[in-house]
């Protein structure tokens, strides 16, 4: 699968988001994307207990391990490539996690305004 250019929201080289657990649409640790990534897993976020509870409440349980899929479950402090729409939803609800701008793919800007990302930046 061909990836889009690895450019972050600052217009520079995309940095790695997380490898423990390994994140990303391509499961390479980067928030790279392509057109087939319908969820736009492009926002590199640091998980919080508050966000994980919110995500579970709205139907996407990221904290429960799913060994059958090789998913260990996330905990506060883990870095994860979030769907841009879920991040924006959490922002509107007041529970957005912090964001690594240099590891957030530029395609996140198609959904999330740069000002929102900057407001939540580490």
Protein backbone atom coordinates (compact mmCIF):
# COMPACT_ATOMS: atom_id res chain seq x y z
CA UNK A 1 0.00 0.00 0.00
CA UNK A 2 1.31 3.40 -0.98
CA UNK A 3 1.38 6.00 1.78
CA UNK A 4 0.72 9.70 1.38
CA UNK A 5 3.79 11.88 1.84
CA UNK A 6 5.00 11.75 5.45
CA UNK A 7 4.52 15.43 6.27
CA UNK A 8 3.26 16.79 9.58
CA UNK A 9 0.92 19.72 10.29
CA UNK A 10 3.97 22.02 10.51
CA UNK A 11 4.99 21.13 6.94
CA UNK A 12 8.09 19.20 8.00
CA UNK A 13 8.98 15.51 8.18
CA UNK A 14 6.47 13.42 10.12
CA UNK A 15 7.96 12.12 13.38
CA UNK A 16 7.14 8.76 14.95
CA UNK A 17 4.10 8.72 17.23
CA UNK A 18 4.41 5.48 19.19
CA UNK A 19 5.82 1.98 19.21
CA UNK A 20 4.70 0.65 22.59
CA UNK A 21 2.08 -0.23 21.56
CA UNK A 22 2.73 0.15 17.85
CA UNK A 23 0.24 2.60 16.37
CA UNK A 24 -0.81 3.95 12.99
CA UNK A 25 -2.96 2.88 10.09
CA UNK A 26 0.06 0.99 8.73
CA UNK A 27 1.09 -0.21 12.24
CA UNK A 28 4.54 1.30 11.74
CA UNK A 29 4.47 3.77 14.63
CA UNK A 30 3.69 6.76 12.39
CA UNK A 31 0.36 8.52 11.76
CA UNK A 32 0.78 8.01 8.03
CA UNK A 33 -2.34 7.71 5.92
CA UNK A 34 -3.74 7.14 2.46
CA UNK A 35 -7.15 7.36 0.84
CA UNK A 36 -8.09 3.86 2.07
CA UNK A 37 -7.76 5.12 5.68
CA UNK A 38 -11.40 6.13 5.99
CA UNK A 39 -10.98 6.96 9.69
CA UNK A 40 -8.06 9.31 9.00
CA UNK A 41 -5.85 7.94 11.81
CA UNK A 42 -3.69 11.05 11.61
CA UNK A 43 -3.69 12.76 15.04
CA UNK A 44 -0.84 11.67 17.32
CA UNK A 45 -2.39 11.92 20.79
CA UNK A 46 -1.29 11.06 24.30
CA UNK A 47 -4.00 9.03 25.97
CA UNK A 48 -5.61 10.17 29.21
CA UNK A 49 -8.00 8.28 31.47
CA UNK A 50 -10.64 10.92 30.70
CA UNK A 51 -10.30 10.51 26.93
CA UNK A 52 -10.24 6.69 27.13
CA UNK A 53 -13.47 6.73 29.17
CA UNK A 54 -15.04 9.13 26.65
CA UNK A 55 -13.99 6.99 23.70
CA UNK A 56 -15.45 3.88 25.36
CA UNK A 57 -18.67 5.75 26.13
CA UNK A 58 -19.11 6.75 22.47
CA UNK A 59 -18.50 3.21 21.25
CA UNK A 60 -14.76 2.83 20.63
CA UNK A 61 -13.22 0.98 23.58
CA UNK A 62 -9.48 1.57 23.24
CA UNK A 63 -8.57 0.43 26.75
CA UNK A 64 -9.70 -3.21 26.70
CA UNK A 65 -7.10 -5.66 25.36
CA UNK A 66 -8.16 -7.63 22.29
CA UNK A 67 -5.46 -10.32 21.99
CA UNK A 68 -7.23 -11.97 19.06
CA UNK A 69 -6.36 -8.80 17.07
CA UNK A 70 -2.94 -8.28 18.63
CA UNK A 71 -4.25 -5.24 20.54
CA UNK A 72 -2.96 -4.85 24.10
CA UNK A 73 -5.31 -2.02 25.05
CA UNK A 74 -4.28 1.55 25.76
CA UNK A 75 -3.61 3.27 29.05
CA UNK A 76 -3.00 6.87 30.07
CA UNK A 77 0.34 8.06 28.74
CA UNK A 78 0.33 5.88 25.61
CA UNK A 79 0.74 7.67 22.27
CA UNK A 80 -1.79 6.65 19.62
CA UNK A 81 -2.79 7.73 16.12
CA UNK A 82 -6.39 8.81 16.65
CA UNK A 83 -9.06 9.27 14.04
CA UNK A 84 -9.23 12.99 13.35
CA UNK A 85 -13.03 13.06 13.72
CA UNK A 86 -12.88 11.37 17.15
CA UNK A 87 -10.25 13.86 18.29
CA UNK A 88 -12.40 16.78 17.13
CA UNK A 89 -15.44 15.27 18.84
CA UNK A 90 -13.47 14.92 22.10
CA UNK A 91 -12.29 18.51 21.76
CA UNK A 92 -15.88 19.72 21.46
CA UNK A 93 -16.79 17.66 24.54
CA UNK A 94 -13.88 19.13 26.53
CA UNK A 95 -11.87 15.94 26.91
CA UNK A 96 -9.39 16.00 24.03
CA UNK A 97 -6.02 14.42 24.73
CA UNK A 98 -2.77 16.31 24.18
CA UNK A 99 -1.30 16.20 20.67
CA UNK A 100 2.23 15.79 19.28
CA UNK A 101 2.07 18.25 16.37
CA UNK A 102 5.29 17.03 14.75
CA UNK A 103 3.89 13.47 14.69
CA UNK A 104 0.41 14.50 13.46
CA UNK A 105 -0.05 14.02 9.71
CA UNK A 106 -0.93 17.06 7.60
CA UNK A 107 -4.12 15.34 6.38
CA UNK A 108 -5.55 15.82 9.89
CA UNK A 109 -5.99 19.45 8.83
CA UNK A 110 -8.72 18.35 6.41
CA UNK A 111 -10.85 17.68 9.52
CA UNK A 112 -9.30 19.50 12.48
CA UNK A 113 -8.40 23.21 12.30
CA UNK A 114 -4.74 23.94 13.11
CA UNK A 115 -5.88 26.24 15.93
CA UNK A 116 -7.60 23.30 17.66
CA UNK A 117 -4.51 21.14 17.32
CA UNK A 118 -2.28 23.93 18.64
CA UNK A 119 -4.64 24.52 21.58
CA UNK A 120 -4.16 20.88 22.57
CA UNK A 121 -0.44 20.59 21.76
CA UNK A 122 2.10 19.26 24.24
